[in-house]
């Protein structure tokens, strides 16, 4: 579930292994590139943390972030 933290949408995802985490990141990267809206994220083994905000709007949450969050949720399902 996405949370608002420090003017960013945040969510931590946990997968069975590194390969699944990396595959998730690859799918998100393709969607982000289509939108020209890229996440701040980290990956350690099977965990991926994602922060979304719009840099052009002063690093706050905008509809672009909510749209990307929805696309990420669809990838996880």
Protein backbone atom coordinates (compact mmCIF):
# COMPACT_ATOMS: atom_id res chain seq x y z
CA UNK A 1 0.00 0.00 0.00
CA UNK A 2 1.36 3.40 -0.99
CA UNK A 3 2.06 5.86 1.80
CA UNK A 4 2.69 9.60 1.62
CA UNK A 5 6.05 10.37 3.22
CA UNK A 6 7.93 13.66 2.92
CA UNK A 7 6.00 14.78 -0.19
CA UNK A 8 6.60 11.44 -1.91
CA UNK A 9 4.57 8.29 -2.49
CA UNK A 10 6.43 5.36 -0.93
CA UNK A 11 6.06 1.60 -1.00
CA UNK A 12 8.31 -1.33 -0.17
CA UNK A 13 7.94 -4.51 -2.23
CA UNK A 14 9.26 -7.92 -1.21
CA UNK A 15 9.76 -10.77 -3.67
CA UNK A 16 10.85 -14.40 -3.37
CA UNK A 17 14.35 -13.71 -4.67
CA UNK A 18 16.61 -11.26 -6.47
CA UNK A 19 15.53 -12.42 -9.92
CA UNK A 20 11.88 -11.61 -9.22
CA UNK A 21 12.81 -8.24 -7.75
CA UNK A 22 14.93 -7.40 -10.79
CA UNK A 23 12.21 -8.53 -13.19
CA UNK A 24 9.76 -6.25 -11.38
CA UNK A 25 12.20 -3.34 -11.69
CA UNK A 26 12.60 -4.03 -15.41
CA UNK A 27 8.84 -3.95 -15.98
CA UNK A 28 8.51 -0.74 -13.95
CA UNK A 29 11.40 0.81 -15.88
CA UNK A 30 9.61 0.18 -19.19
CA UNK A 31 6.41 1.85 -17.95
CA UNK A 32 8.33 4.74 -16.39
CA UNK A 33 10.21 5.34 -19.64
CA UNK A 34 6.94 5.43 -21.61
CA UNK A 35 5.68 8.09 -19.20
CA UNK A 36 9.03 9.90 -19.05
CA UNK A 37 8.55 9.79 -15.28
CA UNK A 38 11.23 7.91 -13.37
CA UNK A 39 11.17 6.65 -9.78
CA UNK A 40 13.72 6.96 -7.05
CA UNK A 41 14.30 3.40 -5.89
CA UNK A 42 16.61 1.00 -4.15
CA UNK A 43 17.06 -2.74 -4.43
CA UNK A 44 18.68 -5.07 -1.94
CA UNK A 45 18.35 -8.77 -2.76
CA UNK A 46 14.58 -9.43 -2.80
CA UNK A 47 13.38 -6.00 -1.67
CA UNK A 48 12.63 -2.94 -3.78
CA UNK A 49 11.74 0.40 -2.22
CA UNK A 50 10.13 3.03 -4.44
CA UNK A 51 9.62 6.76 -3.90
CA UNK A 52 7.57 8.77 -6.40
CA UNK A 53 7.47 12.55 -6.72
CA UNK A 54 7.52 15.00 -9.60
CA UNK A 55 10.79 16.90 -9.78
CA UNK A 56 9.44 19.42 -12.33
CA UNK A 57 6.69 20.43 -9.88
CA UNK A 58 9.07 21.06 -6.97
CA UNK A 59 9.46 17.47 -5.78
CA UNK A 60 5.85 17.03 -4.70
CA UNK A 61 3.24 14.37 -5.46
CA UNK A 62 1.27 14.96 -8.66
CA UNK A 63 -1.10 12.99 -10.88
CA UNK A 64 1.94 11.62 -12.74
CA UNK A 65 3.05 9.91 -9.54
CA UNK A 66 -0.40 8.50 -8.86
CA UNK A 67 -0.60 7.20 -12.44
CA UNK A 68 2.78 5.50 -12.18
CA UNK A 69 1.83 4.06 -8.78
CA UNK A 70 -1.26 2.48 -10.38
CA UNK A 71 0.86 1.00 -13.17
CA UNK A 72 3.29 -0.41 -10.59
CA UNK A 73 0.39 -1.93 -8.63
CA UNK A 74 -0.84 -3.62 -11.83
CA UNK A 75 2.63 -5.10 -12.39
CA UNK A 76 2.72 -6.59 -8.89
CA UNK A 77 -0.69 -8.29 -9.21
